[in-house]
N, C-alpha and C. Protein backbone atom coordinates (compact mmCIF):
# COMPACT_ATOMS: atom_id res chain seq x y z
N MET A 1 -16.03 -15.78 0.67
CA MET A 1 -15.13 -14.79 1.20
C MET A 1 -15.95 -13.71 1.90
N LYS A 2 -15.51 -13.30 3.08
CA LYS A 2 -16.21 -12.28 3.85
C LYS A 2 -15.93 -10.89 3.31
N THR A 3 -16.90 -10.00 3.50
CA THR A 3 -16.71 -8.61 3.14
C THR A 3 -15.88 -7.92 4.23
N VAL A 4 -15.37 -6.74 3.92
CA VAL A 4 -14.61 -5.96 4.91
C VAL A 4 -15.50 -5.65 6.11
N LYS A 5 -16.75 -5.31 5.87
CA LYS A 5 -17.68 -4.99 6.96
C LYS A 5 -17.90 -6.21 7.86
N GLU A 6 -18.03 -7.40 7.29
CA GLU A 6 -18.20 -8.62 8.10
C GLU A 6 -16.96 -8.90 8.95
N VAL A 7 -15.79 -8.73 8.35
CA VAL A 7 -14.55 -8.94 9.10
C VAL A 7 -14.43 -7.89 10.21
N ALA A 8 -14.82 -6.64 9.93
CA ALA A 8 -14.77 -5.58 10.94
C ALA A 8 -15.66 -5.91 12.12
N LYS A 9 -16.87 -6.40 11.85
CA LYS A 9 -17.79 -6.78 12.94
C LYS A 9 -17.19 -7.91 13.78
N SER A 10 -16.59 -8.89 13.12
CA SER A 10 -15.95 -9.99 13.84
C SER A 10 -14.79 -9.48 14.68
N TYR A 11 -13.98 -8.58 14.12
CA TYR A 11 -12.86 -7.99 14.84
C TYR A 11 -13.35 -7.24 16.08
N VAL A 12 -14.38 -6.41 15.89
CA VAL A 12 -14.93 -5.65 17.01
C VAL A 12 -15.43 -6.60 18.10
N TYR A 13 -16.13 -7.64 17.70
CA TYR A 13 -16.64 -8.62 18.68
C TYR A 13 -15.49 -9.19 19.50
N ASN A 14 -14.39 -9.58 18.83
CA ASN A 14 -13.25 -10.17 19.54
C ASN A 14 -12.54 -9.15 20.44
N VAL A 15 -12.47 -7.90 20.01
CA VAL A 15 -11.84 -6.86 20.84
C VAL A 15 -12.70 -6.55 22.05
N VAL A 16 -13.98 -6.35 21.81
CA VAL A 16 -14.89 -5.94 22.87
C VAL A 16 -15.16 -7.07 23.85
N ARG A 17 -15.13 -8.29 23.38
CA ARG A 17 -15.43 -9.45 24.23
C ARG A 17 -14.54 -9.48 25.47
N GLY A 18 -13.27 -9.13 25.31
CA GLY A 18 -12.34 -9.18 26.43
C GLY A 18 -12.24 -7.89 27.21
N MET A 19 -13.03 -6.90 26.84
CA MET A 19 -12.95 -5.60 27.50
C MET A 19 -14.29 -5.25 28.13
N SER A 20 -14.28 -4.23 28.94
CA SER A 20 -15.52 -3.82 29.58
C SER A 20 -16.10 -2.60 28.88
N ILE A 21 -16.13 -2.65 27.57
CA ILE A 21 -16.72 -1.55 26.80
C ILE A 21 -18.20 -1.83 26.64
N GLU A 22 -19.00 -0.99 27.23
CA GLU A 22 -20.44 -1.15 27.11
C GLU A 22 -21.03 -0.08 26.18
N ASP A 23 -20.26 0.94 25.94
CA ASP A 23 -20.71 2.07 25.15
C ASP A 23 -20.82 1.70 23.68
N GLU A 24 -22.00 1.79 23.11
CA GLU A 24 -22.22 1.45 21.71
C GLU A 24 -21.41 2.34 20.77
N PHE A 25 -21.22 3.61 21.17
CA PHE A 25 -20.42 4.53 20.38
C PHE A 25 -19.00 4.00 20.22
N SER A 26 -18.42 3.46 21.28
CA SER A 26 -17.06 2.92 21.22
C SER A 26 -16.97 1.74 20.27
N VAL A 27 -17.98 0.89 20.29
CA VAL A 27 -18.00 -0.28 19.40
C VAL A 27 -18.04 0.17 17.95
N SER A 28 -18.92 1.12 17.63
CA SER A 28 -19.01 1.57 16.23
C SER A 28 -17.75 2.32 15.82
N THR A 29 -17.11 3.02 16.75
CA THR A 29 -15.86 3.73 16.45
C THR A 29 -14.77 2.73 16.08
N ILE A 30 -14.68 1.64 16.80
CA ILE A 30 -13.68 0.61 16.51
C ILE A 30 -13.96 0.00 15.13
N GLU A 31 -15.22 -0.27 14.85
CA GLU A 31 -15.59 -0.86 13.55
C GLU A 31 -15.24 0.08 12.39
N TYR A 32 -15.59 1.36 12.52
CA TYR A 32 -15.28 2.32 11.46
C TYR A 32 -13.78 2.52 11.30
N ALA A 33 -13.05 2.51 12.40
CA ALA A 33 -11.59 2.65 12.32
C ALA A 33 -10.98 1.47 11.58
N PHE A 34 -11.49 0.27 11.84
CA PHE A 34 -11.01 -0.93 11.16
C PHE A 34 -11.26 -0.81 9.66
N ILE A 35 -12.47 -0.43 9.27
CA ILE A 35 -12.82 -0.29 7.85
C ILE A 35 -11.96 0.79 7.19
N ASP A 36 -11.79 1.92 7.86
CA ASP A 36 -10.94 2.99 7.31
C ASP A 36 -9.51 2.51 7.10
N GLY A 37 -9.00 1.71 8.04
CA GLY A 37 -7.64 1.18 7.91
C GLY A 37 -7.49 0.26 6.72
N VAL A 38 -8.47 -0.60 6.51
CA VAL A 38 -8.45 -1.51 5.36
C VAL A 38 -8.51 -0.72 4.06
N GLU A 39 -9.40 0.26 4.00
CA GLU A 39 -9.52 1.06 2.78
C GLU A 39 -8.23 1.84 2.51
N PHE A 40 -7.60 2.34 3.56
CA PHE A 40 -6.34 3.06 3.39
C PHE A 40 -5.26 2.13 2.85
N ALA A 41 -5.19 0.91 3.38
CA ALA A 41 -4.17 -0.05 2.95
C ALA A 41 -4.38 -0.49 1.51
N GLN A 42 -5.62 -0.43 1.03
CA GLN A 42 -5.92 -0.89 -0.32
C GLN A 42 -5.96 0.24 -1.35
N ARG A 43 -5.67 1.45 -0.95
CA ARG A 43 -5.80 2.57 -1.88
C ARG A 43 -4.61 2.63 -2.85
N TRP A 44 -4.88 3.14 -4.03
CA TRP A 44 -3.84 3.39 -5.01
C TRP A 44 -3.23 4.76 -4.72
N ILE A 45 -1.91 4.84 -4.72
CA ILE A 45 -1.20 6.08 -4.44
C ILE A 45 -0.72 6.67 -5.75
N SER A 46 -1.07 7.92 -6.00
CA SER A 46 -0.62 8.61 -7.21
C SER A 46 0.88 8.84 -7.13
N VAL A 47 1.59 8.66 -8.25
CA VAL A 47 3.04 8.92 -8.25
C VAL A 47 3.32 10.40 -8.04
N GLU A 48 2.32 11.25 -8.25
CA GLU A 48 2.48 12.67 -7.97
C GLU A 48 2.40 12.96 -6.47
N GLU A 49 1.75 12.05 -5.73
CA GLU A 49 1.60 12.21 -4.28
C GLU A 49 2.81 11.66 -3.52
N GLU A 50 3.24 10.46 -3.89
CA GLU A 50 4.34 9.81 -3.17
C GLU A 50 4.89 8.67 -4.03
N LEU A 51 6.18 8.41 -3.87
CA LEU A 51 6.82 7.30 -4.58
C LEU A 51 7.30 6.26 -3.57
N PRO A 52 7.40 5.00 -3.99
CA PRO A 52 7.74 3.92 -3.06
C PRO A 52 9.06 4.13 -2.29
N GLU A 53 10.05 4.74 -2.92
CA GLU A 53 11.34 4.89 -2.23
C GLU A 53 11.25 5.80 -1.01
N TYR A 54 10.20 6.60 -0.93
CA TYR A 54 10.00 7.45 0.24
C TYR A 54 9.11 6.79 1.28
N ALA A 55 8.36 5.78 0.88
CA ALA A 55 7.40 5.12 1.76
C ALA A 55 7.82 3.73 2.20
N MET A 56 8.88 3.19 1.59
CA MET A 56 9.26 1.81 1.86
C MET A 56 10.75 1.71 2.14
N GLU A 57 11.13 0.56 2.64
CA GLU A 57 12.55 0.31 2.93
C GLU A 57 13.34 0.19 1.62
N THR A 58 14.53 0.75 1.61
CA THR A 58 15.43 0.62 0.47
C THR A 58 16.72 -0.04 0.92
N VAL A 59 17.47 -0.57 -0.03
CA VAL A 59 18.75 -1.22 0.26
C VAL A 59 19.74 -0.86 -0.83
N LYS A 60 20.99 -0.73 -0.45
CA LYS A 60 22.05 -0.43 -1.43
C LYS A 60 22.83 -1.71 -1.70
N GLU A 61 22.97 -2.04 -2.98
CA GLU A 61 23.73 -3.20 -3.42
C GLU A 61 24.63 -2.77 -4.56
N GLY A 62 25.91 -2.66 -4.29
CA GLY A 62 26.85 -2.19 -5.30
C GLY A 62 26.54 -0.76 -5.67
N ASN A 63 26.40 -0.49 -6.96
CA ASN A 63 26.09 0.85 -7.44
C ASN A 63 24.60 1.17 -7.44
N TYR A 64 23.76 0.20 -7.07
CA TYR A 64 22.31 0.39 -7.11
C TYR A 64 21.72 0.51 -5.71
N THR A 65 20.74 1.36 -5.60
CA THR A 65 19.86 1.41 -4.44
C THR A 65 18.49 1.05 -4.97
N HIS A 66 17.76 0.19 -4.27
CA HIS A 66 16.42 -0.17 -4.75
C HIS A 66 15.48 -0.42 -3.59
N THR A 67 14.18 -0.38 -3.89
CA THR A 67 13.19 -0.71 -2.88
C THR A 67 13.28 -2.21 -2.60
N VAL A 68 13.15 -2.57 -1.34
CA VAL A 68 13.25 -3.98 -0.95
C VAL A 68 12.06 -4.76 -1.50
N SER A 69 10.88 -4.20 -1.37
CA SER A 69 9.66 -4.88 -1.80
C SER A 69 9.20 -4.38 -3.17
N SER A 70 8.57 -5.27 -3.90
CA SER A 70 7.93 -4.88 -5.16
C SER A 70 6.56 -4.28 -4.85
N VAL A 71 6.03 -3.55 -5.79
CA VAL A 71 4.69 -2.97 -5.67
C VAL A 71 3.90 -3.29 -6.93
N ILE A 72 2.59 -3.10 -6.88
CA ILE A 72 1.76 -3.21 -8.07
C ILE A 72 1.64 -1.80 -8.63
N VAL A 73 1.81 -1.66 -9.94
CA VAL A 73 1.68 -0.34 -10.56
C VAL A 73 0.57 -0.36 -11.61
N LYS A 74 -0.05 0.82 -11.78
CA LYS A 74 -1.02 1.05 -12.85
C LYS A 74 -0.35 1.98 -13.84
N THR A 75 -0.56 1.73 -15.12
CA THR A 75 0.04 2.58 -16.14
C THR A 75 -1.05 3.42 -16.82
N SER A 76 -0.62 4.42 -17.54
CA SER A 76 -1.56 5.34 -18.19
C SER A 76 -2.42 4.66 -19.25
N ASN A 77 -1.99 3.50 -19.74
CA ASN A 77 -2.80 2.77 -20.73
C ASN A 77 -3.69 1.70 -20.08
N GLY A 78 -3.83 1.78 -18.73
CA GLY A 78 -4.74 0.88 -18.02
C GLY A 78 -4.20 -0.50 -17.72
N ARG A 79 -2.92 -0.69 -17.85
CA ARG A 79 -2.31 -2.00 -17.56
C ARG A 79 -1.73 -2.01 -16.15
N TYR A 80 -1.49 -3.21 -15.65
CA TYR A 80 -0.93 -3.39 -14.31
C TYR A 80 0.35 -4.20 -14.42
N ALA A 81 1.26 -3.99 -13.48
CA ALA A 81 2.52 -4.74 -13.48
C ALA A 81 3.07 -4.77 -12.05
N ILE A 82 4.00 -5.67 -11.84
CA ILE A 82 4.75 -5.73 -10.58
C ILE A 82 6.07 -5.02 -10.86
N ALA A 83 6.47 -4.13 -9.97
CA ALA A 83 7.68 -3.35 -10.22
C ALA A 83 8.39 -2.99 -8.92
N LYS A 84 9.62 -2.54 -9.07
CA LYS A 84 10.41 -1.96 -7.98
C LYS A 84 10.96 -0.63 -8.49
N ARG A 85 11.46 0.16 -7.57
CA ARG A 85 12.14 1.39 -7.94
C ARG A 85 13.62 1.17 -7.69
N ARG A 86 14.46 1.75 -8.54
CA ARG A 86 15.90 1.63 -8.35
C ARG A 86 16.59 2.91 -8.78
N MET A 87 17.81 3.07 -8.26
CA MET A 87 18.63 4.23 -8.62
C MET A 87 20.06 3.74 -8.82
N PHE A 88 20.66 4.11 -9.93
CA PHE A 88 22.06 3.79 -10.21
C PHE A 88 22.90 4.97 -9.76
N LEU A 89 23.85 4.70 -8.86
CA LEU A 89 24.66 5.75 -8.24
C LEU A 89 23.71 6.83 -7.72
N ASP A 90 23.84 8.05 -8.13
CA ASP A 90 22.92 9.11 -7.70
C ASP A 90 22.24 9.75 -8.91
N HIS A 91 21.91 8.93 -9.92
CA HIS A 91 21.37 9.45 -11.18
C HIS A 91 19.85 9.51 -11.20
N GLY A 92 19.20 9.43 -10.06
CA GLY A 92 17.74 9.53 -10.00
C GLY A 92 17.06 8.18 -10.01
N TRP A 93 15.90 8.14 -9.41
CA TRP A 93 15.13 6.91 -9.30
C TRP A 93 14.38 6.62 -10.59
N GLU A 94 14.19 5.33 -10.88
CA GLU A 94 13.40 4.91 -12.03
C GLU A 94 12.67 3.63 -11.70
N TRP A 95 11.60 3.38 -12.43
CA TRP A 95 10.91 2.10 -12.31
C TRP A 95 11.74 1.06 -13.03
N MET A 96 11.81 -0.13 -12.49
CA MET A 96 12.53 -1.20 -13.17
C MET A 96 11.65 -1.66 -14.33
N GLY A 97 12.06 -1.30 -15.56
CA GLY A 97 11.31 -1.59 -16.77
C GLY A 97 11.86 -0.71 -17.89
N SER A 98 11.19 -0.73 -19.02
CA SER A 98 11.67 0.07 -20.14
C SER A 98 11.41 1.55 -19.92
N GLY A 99 12.01 2.41 -20.74
CA GLY A 99 11.79 3.85 -20.63
C GLY A 99 10.32 4.22 -20.79
N THR A 100 9.62 3.54 -21.69
CA THR A 100 8.20 3.79 -21.88
C THR A 100 7.44 3.45 -20.61
N PHE A 101 7.81 2.33 -19.99
CA PHE A 101 7.18 1.91 -18.75
C PHE A 101 7.41 2.97 -17.67
N ASN A 102 8.62 3.52 -17.61
CA ASN A 102 8.95 4.55 -16.63
C ASN A 102 8.02 5.75 -16.71
N ARG A 103 7.75 6.21 -17.89
CA ARG A 103 6.93 7.41 -18.07
C ARG A 103 5.44 7.14 -17.94
N SER A 104 5.03 5.89 -18.01
CA SER A 104 3.60 5.61 -18.03
C SER A 104 3.00 5.21 -16.68
N VAL A 105 3.81 5.02 -15.65
CA VAL A 105 3.28 4.64 -14.34
C VAL A 105 2.56 5.84 -13.72
N THR A 106 1.29 5.62 -13.34
CA THR A 106 0.49 6.71 -12.76
C THR A 106 0.20 6.49 -11.28
N HIS A 107 0.06 5.23 -10.86
CA HIS A 107 -0.28 4.90 -9.48
C HIS A 107 0.44 3.62 -9.05
N TRP A 108 0.57 3.45 -7.73
CA TRP A 108 1.17 2.23 -7.18
C TRP A 108 0.48 1.90 -5.85
N ARG A 109 0.66 0.67 -5.43
CA ARG A 109 0.20 0.24 -4.11
C ARG A 109 1.04 -0.94 -3.64
N ARG A 110 1.10 -1.09 -2.34
CA ARG A 110 1.84 -2.20 -1.75
C ARG A 110 1.18 -3.53 -2.11
N ILE A 111 1.97 -4.57 -2.12
CA ILE A 111 1.42 -5.92 -2.32
C ILE A 111 1.16 -6.49 -0.93
N GLU A 112 -0.08 -6.79 -0.66
CA GLU A 112 -0.47 -7.32 0.64
C GLU A 112 -0.46 -8.84 0.60
N PHE A 113 0.11 -9.45 1.61
CA PHE A 113 0.14 -10.92 1.69
C PHE A 113 -0.79 -11.41 2.75
């Protein structure tokens, strides 16, 4: 499996190959931007910073509104799970899981395919 840096170099080569960029600064800028983008996509988001229902698509089905996609969550006891957020009527959002699970989620991130 290639590292992010190896994939970034390959990406830059393919982008630059079809363009007339001769400036080495431009090439390294593209590479660093690619790496920054990958790191941003892989970062864990604190539930204090943002919750999935504000960052992702939601859908209403009957009395429930929920996030369309599941996310990976980290809990305060160091465990991981797949979860969605849902809201019954207008009674506030919750993680789909037990009450203990609801209070213990500390971070989440998108599931990348």
